[in-house]
Amino acid sequence: MAPTVADAAAAANAKHTRKAVGLAARDASGHLAPLTLTRRSTGDDDVAIKILYCGICHSDLHSIKNEWKNAMYPMVPGHEIAGVVTEVGKNVTKFKPGDRVGVGCMVNSCQSCERCGEGFENHVSVSHRLQLPLFTS
């Protein structure tokens, strides 16, 4: 018997067992309130981070209030974080649990192609992008 959509959803949910809490906007009011969510388990190439600090920029404010008319709620704003590594995947060599880390707004670039070498990480092609780190609360 072929797998069903329900089978695929159950398998995906089984991988999302890590609990996290974020401050989320649930509508365009601009108010944030705690939201519990689940994250996938740490993968072989992932770095799990306990987020201690998060920056909110003006684009986050536009997004929270749906001023660009493309918001999807609930929304957890913030994309510049600082925290402590809690877990690393088996292929990770540059970080270890307990390391203090920061993640800026430019993530998911390879740091090895011509564009990255020229300082244009924001122009990296999809084929050169890395997997994003796993963020935890």
C-alpha atoms as a PDB file:
ATOM      1  CA  MET A   1       0.000   0.000   0.000  1.00  0.00           C
ATOM      2  CA  ALA A   2       1.377   3.442  -0.937  1.00  0.00           C
ATOM      3  CA  PRO A   3       1.959   6.042   1.794  1.00  0.00           C
ATOM      4  CA  THR A   4      -0.839   8.556   2.252  1.00  0.00           C
ATOM      5  CA  VAL A   5      -0.756  12.272   2.988  1.00  0.00           C
ATOM      6  CA  ALA A   6      -1.716  11.413   6.573  1.00  0.00           C
ATOM      7  CA  ASP A   7       1.289   9.046   6.800  1.00  0.00           C
ATOM      8  CA  ALA A   8       3.614  11.806   5.579  1.00  0.00           C
ATOM      9  CA  ALA A   9       2.147  14.309   8.060  1.00  0.00           C
ATOM     10  CA  ALA A  10       2.524  11.848  10.936  1.00  0.00           C
ATOM     11  CA  ALA A  11       6.171  11.220   9.986  1.00  0.00           C
ATOM     12  CA  ALA A  12       6.874  14.960   9.811  1.00  0.00           C
ATOM     13  CA  ASN A  13       5.238  15.553  13.196  1.00  0.00           C
ATOM     14  CA  ALA A  14       7.295  12.750  14.749  1.00  0.00           C
ATOM     15  CA  LYS A  15      10.458  14.703  13.865  1.00  0.00           C
ATOM     16  CA  HIS A  16       9.111  17.908  15.444  1.00  0.00           C
ATOM     17  CA  THR A  17       9.439  17.031  19.109  1.00  0.00           C
ATOM     18  CA  ARG A  18      11.527  19.888  20.529  1.00  0.00           C
ATOM     19  CA  LYS A  19       9.447  22.526  22.327  1.00  0.00           C
ATOM     20  CA  ALA A  20      10.270  26.216  21.961  1.00  0.00           C
ATOM     21  CA  VAL A  21       8.607  29.451  23.038  1.00  0.00           C
ATOM     22  CA  GLY A  22       8.619  32.675  21.069  1.00  0.00           C
ATOM     23  CA  LEU A  23       6.867  36.022  21.274  1.00  0.00           C
ATOM     24  CA  ALA A  24       4.422  36.052  18.385  1.00  0.00           C
ATOM     25  CA  ALA A  25       2.078  38.441  16.675  1.00  0.00           C
ATOM     26  CA  ARG A  26      -1.251  36.749  15.997  1.00  0.00           C
ATOM     27  CA  ASP A  27      -2.757  39.638  14.039  1.00  0.00           C
ATOM     28  CA  ALA A  28      -1.885  43.115  12.726  1.00  0.00           C
ATOM     29  CA  SER A  29      -2.404  44.810  16.110  1.00  0.00           C
ATOM     30  CA  GLY A  30       1.340  44.775  16.785  1.00  0.00           C
ATOM     31  CA  HIS A  31       0.910  43.033  20.139  1.00  0.00           C
ATOM     32  CA  LEU A  32       3.215  40.109  20.924  1.00  0.00           C
ATOM     33  CA  ALA A  33       2.330  37.220  23.223  1.00  0.00           C
ATOM     34  CA  PRO A  34       4.056  33.920  24.097  1.00  0.00           C
ATOM     35  CA  LEU A  35       3.561  31.101  21.603  1.00  0.00           C
ATOM     36  CA  THR A  36       4.691  27.510  22.138  1.00  0.00           C
ATOM     37  CA  LEU A  37       5.882  25.780  18.998  1.00  0.00           C
ATOM     38  CA  THR A  38       7.668  22.598  18.080  1.00  0.00           C
ATOM     39  CA  ARG A  39      10.939  22.326  16.204  1.00  0.00           C
ATOM     40  CA  ARG A  40      12.555  19.385  14.470  1.00  0.00           C
ATOM     41  CA  SER A  41      15.290  17.412  16.163  1.00  0.00           C
ATOM     42  CA  THR A  42      18.870  18.555  15.680  1.00  0.00           C
ATOM     43  CA  GLY A  43      20.182  17.245  12.350  1.00  0.00           C
ATOM     44  CA  ASP A  44      23.694  16.117  11.474  1.00  0.00           C
ATOM     45  CA  ASP A  45      24.656  19.585  10.182  1.00  0.00           C
ATOM     46  CA  ASP A  46      22.674  21.680  12.684  1.00  0.00           C
ATOM     47  CA  VAL A  47      23.659  23.890  15.592  1.00  0.00           C
ATOM     48  CA  ALA A  48      20.958  24.223  18.268  1.00  0.00           C
ATOM     49  CA  ILE A  49      21.060  27.548  20.112  1.00  0.00           C
ATOM     50  CA  LYS A  50      19.420  28.722  23.323  1.00  0.00           C
ATOM     51  CA  ILE A  51      18.448  32.232  22.281  1.00  0.00           C
ATOM     52  CA  LEU A  52      19.236  34.775  24.991  1.00  0.00           C
ATOM     53  CA  TYR A  53      18.836  37.997  22.993  1.00  0.00           C
ATOM     54  CA  CYS A  54      17.060  38.913  19.769  1.00  0.00           C
ATOM     55  CA  GLY A  55      17.061  42.112  17.758  1.00  0.00           C
ATOM     56  CA  ILE A  56      13.872  43.544  16.294  1.00  0.00           C
ATOM     57  CA  CYS A  57      14.388  45.874  13.340  1.00  0.00           C
ATOM     58  CA  HIS A  58      12.014  48.191  11.552  1.00  0.00           C
ATOM     59  CA  SER A  59      11.238  45.611   8.857  1.00  0.00           C
ATOM     60  CA  ASP A  60      10.015  43.312  11.667  1.00  0.00           C
ATOM     61  CA  LEU A  61       7.654  46.083  12.801  1.00  0.00           C
ATOM     62  CA  HIS A  62       6.310  46.486   9.245  1.00  0.00           C
ATOM     63  CA  SER A  63       5.795  42.716   9.064  1.00  0.00           C
ATOM     64  CA  ILE A  64       4.091  42.399  12.455  1.00  0.00           C
ATOM     65  CA  LYS A  65       1.587  45.110  11.512  1.00  0.00           C
ATOM     66  CA  ASN A  66       1.082  43.703   7.999  1.00  0.00           C
ATOM     67  CA  GLU A  67       2.033  47.032   6.442  1.00  0.00           C
ATOM     68  CA  TRP A  68       3.433  45.222   3.389  1.00  0.00           C
ATOM     69  CA  LYS A  69       0.196  43.211   3.037  1.00  0.00           C
ATOM     70  CA  ASN A  70       1.935  39.813   3.026  1.00  0.00           C
ATOM     71  CA  ALA A  71       1.955  38.785   6.714  1.00  0.00           C
ATOM     72  CA  MET A  72       1.261  35.213   7.757  1.00  0.00           C
ATOM     73  CA  TYR A  73       0.206  34.791  11.374  1.00  0.00           C
ATOM     74  CA  PRO A  74       1.245  33.718  13.893  1.00  0.00           C
ATOM     75  CA  MET A  75       4.591  35.435  13.289  1.00  0.00           C
ATOM     76  CA  VAL A  76       7.644  35.378  15.556  1.00  0.00           C
ATOM     77  CA  PRO A  77       9.699  38.454  14.593  1.00  0.00           C
ATOM     78  CA  GLY A  78      13.437  38.891  14.967  1.00  0.00           C
ATOM     79  CA  HIS A  79      16.324  37.616  12.909  1.00  0.00           C
ATOM     80  CA  GLU A  80      19.486  38.771  14.674  1.00  0.00           C
ATOM     81  CA  ILE A  81      20.130  36.589  17.701  1.00  0.00           C
ATOM     82  CA  ALA A  82      22.734  35.862  20.347  1.00  0.00           C
ATOM     83  CA  GLY A  83      22.817  32.845  22.600  1.00  0.00           C
ATOM     84  CA  VAL A  84      24.588  29.680  23.693  1.00  0.00           C
ATOM     85  CA  VAL A  85      25.049  26.461  21.738  1.00  0.00           C
ATOM     86  CA  THR A  86      23.101  23.649  23.386  1.00  0.00           C
ATOM     87  CA  GLU A  87      23.680  20.841  20.882  1.00  0.00           C
ATOM     88  CA  VAL A  88      25.530  20.196  17.622  1.00  0.00           C
ATOM     89  CA  GLY A  89      25.046  17.631  14.893  1.00  0.00           C
ATOM     90  CA  LYS A  90      27.666  14.972  14.243  1.00  0.00           C
ATOM     91  CA  ASN A  91      29.075  16.821  11.193  1.00  0.00           C
ATOM     92  CA  VAL A  92      29.557  20.157  13.005  1.00  0.00           C
ATOM     93  CA  THR A  93      33.205  20.924  13.797  1.00  0.00           C
ATOM     94  CA  LYS A  94      33.337  24.690  14.454  1.00  0.00           C
ATOM     95  CA  PHE A  95      30.981  24.835  17.451  1.00  0.00           C
ATOM     96  CA  LYS A  96      30.447  22.898  20.668  1.00  0.00           C
ATOM     97  CA  PRO A  97      27.855  23.060  23.455  1.00  0.00           C
ATOM     98  CA  GLY A  98      28.497  26.046  25.707  1.00  0.00           C
ATOM     99  CA  ASP A  99      29.928  28.259  22.938  1.00  0.00           C
ATOM    100  CA  ARG A 100      28.501  31.782  22.801  1.00  0.00           C
ATOM    101  CA  VAL A 101      27.231  32.507  19.304  1.00  0.00           C
ATOM    102  CA  GLY A 102      25.487  35.160  17.272  1.00  0.00           C
ATOM    103  CA  VAL A 103      23.494  34.877  14.067  1.00  0.00           C
ATOM    104  CA  GLY A 104      23.124  38.011  11.969  1.00  0.00           C
ATOM    105  CA  CYS A 105      20.614  38.811   9.289  1.00  0.00           C
ATOM    106  CA  MET A 106      22.795  37.235   6.574  1.00  0.00           C
ATOM    107  CA  VAL A 107      22.581  33.470   7.016  1.00  0.00           C
ATOM    108  CA  ASN A 108      22.410  30.500   4.709  1.00  0.00           C
ATOM    109  CA  SER A 109      25.396  31.373   2.496  1.00  0.00           C
ATOM    110  CA  CYS A 110      28.240  29.027   1.581  1.00  0.00           C
ATOM    111  CA  GLN A 111      31.190  31.384   2.250  1.00  0.00           C
ATOM    112  CA  SER A 112      33.140  29.593  -0.495  1.00  0.00           C
ATOM    113  CA  CYS A 113      31.786  30.775  -3.860  1.00  0.00           C
ATOM    114  CA  GLU A 114      32.876  33.825  -5.861  1.00  0.00           C
ATOM    115  CA  ARG A 115      29.938  35.946  -4.655  1.00  0.00           C
ATOM    116  CA  CYS A 116      30.698  35.229  -0.974  1.00  0.00           C
ATOM    117  CA  GLY A 117      34.381  35.997  -1.596  1.00  0.00           C
ATOM    118  CA  GLU A 118      33.394  39.414  -2.937  1.00  0.00           C
ATOM    119  CA  GLY A 119      31.224  40.156   0.114  1.00  0.00           C
ATOM    120  CA  PHE A 120      27.888  39.566  -1.614  1.00  0.00           C
ATOM    121  CA  GLU A 121      26.507  36.785   0.600  1.00  0.00           C
ATOM    122  CA  ASN A 122      23.000  38.044  -0.116  1.00  0.00           C
ATOM    123  CA  HIS A 123      23.458  37.089  -3.786  1.00  0.00           C
ATOM    124  CA  VAL A 124      24.408  33.417  -3.267  1.00  0.00           C
ATOM    125  CA  SER A 125      22.540  31.114  -5.626  1.00  0.00           C
ATOM    126  CA  VAL A 126      20.183  28.525  -4.172  1.00  0.00           C
ATOM    127  CA  SER A 127      22.571  25.705  -5.119  1.00  0.00           C
ATOM    128  CA  HIS A 128      25.258  27.165  -2.810  1.00  0.00           C
ATOM    129  CA  ARG A 129      23.085  27.790   0.249  1.00  0.00           C
ATOM    130  CA  LEU A 130      23.626  25.921   3.480  1.00  0.00           C
ATOM    131  CA  GLN A 131      21.011  24.525   5.822  1.00  0.00           C
ATOM    132  CA  LEU A 132      19.886  27.057   8.425  1.00  0.00           C
ATOM    133  CA  PRO A 133      20.727  26.371  12.061  1.00  0.00           C
ATOM    134  CA  LEU A 134      18.082  25.026  14.383  1.00  0.00           C
ATOM    135  CA  PHE A 135      16.986  27.668  16.875  1.00  0.00           C
ATOM    136  CA  THR A 136      15.634  26.742  20.285  1.00  0.00           C
ATOM    137  CA  SER A 137      14.422  28.751  23.190  1.00  0.00           C
END
